[in-house]
Amino acid sequence: MCTYITASAAIQGSGKGTSGWFPLSQATIGFDHPVHAPYDHALLLDFADPKQGPSARVAVEIDLASARALLTQLESVVRQAEETGLR
């Protein structure tokens, strides 16, 4: 069953694809059927620069346990980074 769970956010950063580095301006997060990962459903992360088309995209498919572990560590590192006062 498709879940159609998706969200997106404007971001600023860089990603590396097969042709090298490119700017990132959008992140899309979803939970649905993966294309390649061996699960019925997966957390889908797409980092992209839509202005450059599909070649400027990094896609990630992970299981929910991995997504939870990533989220925990991401929150921890962001909190620590904010505590330094650096930007």
N, C-alpha and C. Protein backbone atom coordinates (compact mmCIF):
# COMPACT_ATOMS: atom_id res chain seq x y z
N MET A 1 0.84 -1.17 0.00
CA MET A 1 0.00 0.00 0.00
C MET A 1 0.89 1.24 0.00
N CYS A 2 0.62 2.18 -0.86
CA CYS A 2 1.36 3.44 -0.91
C CYS A 2 0.92 4.32 0.25
N THR A 3 1.87 5.02 0.85
CA THR A 3 1.53 5.89 1.98
C THR A 3 1.37 7.34 1.56
N TYR A 4 2.05 7.75 0.52
CA TYR A 4 2.04 9.14 0.03
C TYR A 4 2.48 10.13 1.11
N ILE A 5 3.27 9.69 2.08
CA ILE A 5 3.79 10.58 3.12
C ILE A 5 5.00 11.30 2.55
N THR A 6 4.91 12.62 2.41
CA THR A 6 6.04 13.41 1.91
C THR A 6 6.07 14.78 2.56
N ALA A 7 7.26 15.34 2.64
CA ALA A 7 7.47 16.70 3.11
C ALA A 7 8.71 17.22 2.41
N SER A 8 8.82 18.53 2.30
CA SER A 8 10.03 19.09 1.69
C SER A 8 10.44 20.35 2.44
N ALA A 9 11.70 20.70 2.27
CA ALA A 9 12.24 21.89 2.92
C ALA A 9 13.24 22.56 1.99
N ALA A 10 13.24 23.88 2.02
CA ALA A 10 14.28 24.63 1.31
C ALA A 10 15.56 24.51 2.14
N ILE A 11 16.66 24.19 1.48
CA ILE A 11 17.94 24.03 2.17
C ILE A 11 19.02 24.77 1.40
N GLN A 12 20.17 24.93 2.04
CA GLN A 12 21.36 25.48 1.40
C GLN A 12 22.51 24.55 1.71
N GLY A 13 23.23 24.14 0.69
CA GLY A 13 24.36 23.24 0.91
C GLY A 13 24.89 22.74 -0.42
N SER A 14 25.64 21.66 -0.36
CA SER A 14 26.22 21.04 -1.55
C SER A 14 26.06 19.53 -1.47
N GLY A 15 25.93 18.91 -2.62
CA GLY A 15 25.87 17.46 -2.71
C GLY A 15 26.84 16.98 -3.77
N LYS A 16 27.25 15.73 -3.67
CA LYS A 16 28.18 15.18 -4.66
C LYS A 16 27.50 14.05 -5.42
N GLY A 17 27.44 14.19 -6.71
CA GLY A 17 26.89 13.17 -7.58
C GLY A 17 27.97 12.60 -8.48
N THR A 18 27.57 11.87 -9.49
CA THR A 18 28.54 11.23 -10.38
C THR A 18 29.37 12.23 -11.18
N SER A 19 28.83 13.44 -11.37
CA SER A 19 29.56 14.47 -12.13
C SER A 19 30.28 15.46 -11.23
N GLY A 20 30.31 15.19 -9.93
CA GLY A 20 30.98 16.10 -8.99
C GLY A 20 30.00 16.83 -8.10
N TRP A 21 30.49 17.90 -7.50
CA TRP A 21 29.69 18.67 -6.54
C TRP A 21 28.72 19.61 -7.24
N PHE A 22 27.57 19.83 -6.60
CA PHE A 22 26.57 20.77 -7.11
C PHE A 22 25.83 21.38 -5.92
N PRO A 23 25.26 22.59 -6.10
CA PRO A 23 24.52 23.21 -4.99
C PRO A 23 23.22 22.47 -4.72
N LEU A 24 22.80 22.50 -3.46
CA LEU A 24 21.52 21.91 -3.07
C LEU A 24 20.58 23.03 -2.63
N SER A 25 19.33 22.94 -3.02
CA SER A 25 18.35 23.94 -2.61
C SER A 25 17.06 23.32 -2.08
N GLN A 26 16.93 22.00 -2.17
CA GLN A 26 15.69 21.36 -1.72
C GLN A 26 15.97 19.97 -1.16
N ALA A 27 15.31 19.67 -0.05
CA ALA A 27 15.33 18.32 0.51
C ALA A 27 13.89 17.81 0.54
N THR A 28 13.69 16.60 0.08
CA THR A 28 12.38 15.97 0.14
C THR A 28 12.51 14.69 0.95
N ILE A 29 11.59 14.53 1.88
CA ILE A 29 11.58 13.36 2.75
C ILE A 29 10.25 12.64 2.55
N GLY A 30 10.30 11.33 2.45
CA GLY A 30 9.07 10.58 2.28
C GLY A 30 9.16 9.22 2.94
N PHE A 31 8.04 8.57 3.04
CA PHE A 31 7.98 7.19 3.49
C PHE A 31 7.05 6.45 2.54
N ASP A 32 7.64 5.58 1.73
CA ASP A 32 6.85 4.87 0.72
C ASP A 32 7.69 3.73 0.16
N HIS A 33 7.29 3.19 -0.98
CA HIS A 33 8.01 2.09 -1.62
C HIS A 33 9.36 2.59 -2.15
N PRO A 34 10.46 1.95 -1.77
CA PRO A 34 11.76 2.35 -2.31
C PRO A 34 11.95 1.83 -3.73
N VAL A 35 12.87 2.45 -4.43
CA VAL A 35 13.22 2.00 -5.78
C VAL A 35 14.24 0.87 -5.72
N HIS A 36 15.22 0.99 -4.81
CA HIS A 36 16.32 0.03 -4.80
C HIS A 36 16.48 -0.72 -3.48
N ALA A 37 16.24 -0.08 -2.36
CA ALA A 37 16.44 -0.73 -1.05
C ALA A 37 15.52 -1.95 -0.93
N PRO A 38 15.98 -3.00 -0.24
CA PRO A 38 15.23 -4.26 -0.18
C PRO A 38 14.13 -4.29 0.88
N TYR A 39 13.28 -3.26 0.92
CA TYR A 39 12.21 -3.19 1.91
C TYR A 39 10.89 -2.91 1.19
N ASP A 40 9.79 -3.29 1.82
CA ASP A 40 8.48 -2.93 1.27
C ASP A 40 8.27 -1.42 1.33
N HIS A 41 8.71 -0.81 2.43
CA HIS A 41 8.63 0.63 2.62
C HIS A 41 9.93 1.12 3.22
N ALA A 42 10.29 2.36 2.92
CA ALA A 42 11.53 2.93 3.44
C ALA A 42 11.37 4.43 3.59
N LEU A 43 12.25 5.01 4.40
CA LEU A 43 12.34 6.46 4.47
C LEU A 43 13.16 6.90 3.26
N LEU A 44 12.62 7.82 2.48
CA LEU A 44 13.24 8.27 1.25
C LEU A 44 13.73 9.70 1.43
N LEU A 45 15.00 9.93 1.20
CA LEU A 45 15.59 11.26 1.30
C LEU A 45 16.12 11.66 -0.07
N ASP A 46 15.70 12.80 -0.55
CA ASP A 46 16.21 13.34 -1.82
C ASP A 46 16.75 14.73 -1.56
N PHE A 47 18.01 14.93 -1.90
CA PHE A 47 18.64 16.23 -1.81
C PHE A 47 18.89 16.68 -3.24
N ALA A 48 18.43 17.88 -3.61
CA ALA A 48 18.47 18.24 -5.02
C ALA A 48 18.61 19.74 -5.25
N ASP A 49 18.96 20.06 -6.49
CA ASP A 49 18.87 21.41 -7.03
C ASP A 49 17.96 21.31 -8.24
N PRO A 50 16.64 21.50 -8.06
CA PRO A 50 15.69 21.31 -9.16
C PRO A 50 16.01 22.12 -10.41
N LYS A 51 16.68 23.26 -10.26
CA LYS A 51 17.03 24.09 -11.42
C LYS A 51 17.94 23.35 -12.39
N GLN A 52 18.73 22.41 -11.88
CA GLN A 52 19.68 21.67 -12.72
C GLN A 52 19.12 20.35 -13.24
N GLY A 53 17.92 20.00 -12.83
CA GLY A 53 17.32 18.77 -13.32
C GLY A 53 17.72 17.54 -12.51
N PRO A 54 17.32 16.35 -12.98
CA PRO A 54 17.52 15.12 -12.21
C PRO A 54 18.97 14.72 -11.99
N SER A 55 19.90 15.24 -12.77
CA SER A 55 21.31 14.88 -12.56
C SER A 55 21.88 15.53 -11.30
N ALA A 56 21.24 16.58 -10.81
CA ALA A 56 21.69 17.26 -9.59
C ALA A 56 20.83 16.79 -8.42
N ARG A 57 20.98 15.50 -8.10
CA ARG A 57 20.14 14.87 -7.08
C ARG A 57 20.93 13.77 -6.40
N VAL A 58 20.77 13.70 -5.08
CA VAL A 58 21.32 12.59 -4.30
C VAL A 58 20.13 11.94 -3.60
N ALA A 59 19.90 10.67 -3.85
CA ALA A 59 18.78 9.94 -3.26
C ALA A 59 19.29 8.91 -2.26
N VAL A 60 18.56 8.78 -1.15
CA VAL A 60 18.91 7.82 -0.10
C VAL A 60 17.64 7.10 0.33
N GLU A 61 17.71 5.79 0.49
CA GLU A 61 16.59 4.98 0.98
C GLU A 61 17.07 4.17 2.17
N ILE A 62 16.45 4.36 3.34
CA ILE A 62 16.87 3.66 4.56
C ILE A 62 15.66 3.12 5.30
N ASP A 63 15.89 2.08 6.12
CA ASP A 63 14.79 1.54 6.92
C ASP A 63 14.49 2.48 8.09
N LEU A 64 13.37 2.26 8.75
CA LEU A 64 12.95 3.16 9.82
C LEU A 64 13.90 3.17 11.01
N ALA A 65 14.50 2.03 11.35
CA ALA A 65 15.45 2.00 12.46
C ALA A 65 16.67 2.86 12.13
N SER A 66 17.14 2.79 10.91
CA SER A 66 18.26 3.64 10.48
C SER A 66 17.86 5.11 10.48
N ALA A 67 16.64 5.39 10.05
CA ALA A 67 16.15 6.77 10.05
C ALA A 67 16.10 7.33 11.47
N ARG A 68 15.63 6.53 12.41
CA ARG A 68 15.56 6.96 13.81
C ARG A 68 16.97 7.20 14.35
N ALA A 69 17.91 6.32 14.07
CA ALA A 69 19.30 6.48 14.52
C ALA A 69 19.91 7.74 13.91
N LEU A 70 19.67 7.97 12.63
CA LEU A 70 20.17 9.17 11.96
C LEU A 70 19.58 10.43 12.57
N LEU A 71 18.27 10.42 12.82
CA LEU A 71 17.60 11.57 13.42
C LEU A 71 18.17 11.89 14.80
N THR A 72 18.38 10.87 15.62
CA THR A 72 18.94 11.06 16.96
C THR A 72 20.31 11.72 16.88
N GLN A 73 21.17 11.21 16.00
CA GLN A 73 22.51 11.76 15.88
C GLN A 73 22.51 13.15 15.24
N LEU A 74 21.63 13.37 14.29
CA LEU A 74 21.51 14.68 13.66
C LEU A 74 21.10 15.73 14.69
N GLU A 75 20.09 15.40 15.52
CA GLU A 75 19.66 16.32 16.57
C GLU A 75 20.80 16.61 17.55
N SER A 76 21.56 15.59 17.90
CA SER A 76 22.67 15.75 18.83
C SER A 76 23.75 16.67 18.26
N VAL A 77 24.13 16.44 17.02
CA VAL A 77 25.19 17.25 16.40
C VAL A 77 24.72 18.69 16.20
N VAL A 78 23.47 18.89 15.77
CA VAL A 78 22.94 20.24 15.60
C VAL A 78 22.94 20.97 16.95
N ARG A 79 22.51 20.31 18.00
CA ARG A 79 22.50 20.92 19.33
C ARG A 79 23.92 21.32 19.75
N GLN A 80 24.87 20.41 19.58
CA GLN A 80 26.26 20.70 19.93
C GLN A 80 26.82 21.85 19.09
N ALA A 81 26.50 21.86 17.81
CA ALA A 81 26.98 22.93 16.93
C ALA A 81 26.41 24.28 17.37
N GLU A 82 25.13 24.32 17.71
CA GLU A 82 24.51 25.57 18.16
C GLU A 82 25.14 26.05 19.46
N GLU A 83 25.52 25.13 20.33
CA GLU A 83 26.13 25.51 21.61
C GLU A 83 27.50 26.15 21.43
N THR A 84 28.17 25.90 20.31
CA THR A 84 29.48 26.53 20.07
C THR A 84 29.34 28.01 19.75
N GLY A 85 28.16 28.41 19.28
CA GLY A 85 27.95 29.79 18.87
C GLY A 85 28.46 30.08 17.47
N LEU A 86 29.05 29.09 16.83
CA LEU A 86 29.56 29.27 15.46
C LEU A 86 28.44 29.06 14.46
N ARG A 87 28.55 29.67 13.30
CA ARG A 87 27.56 29.50 12.23
C ARG A 87 28.23 29.05 10.97
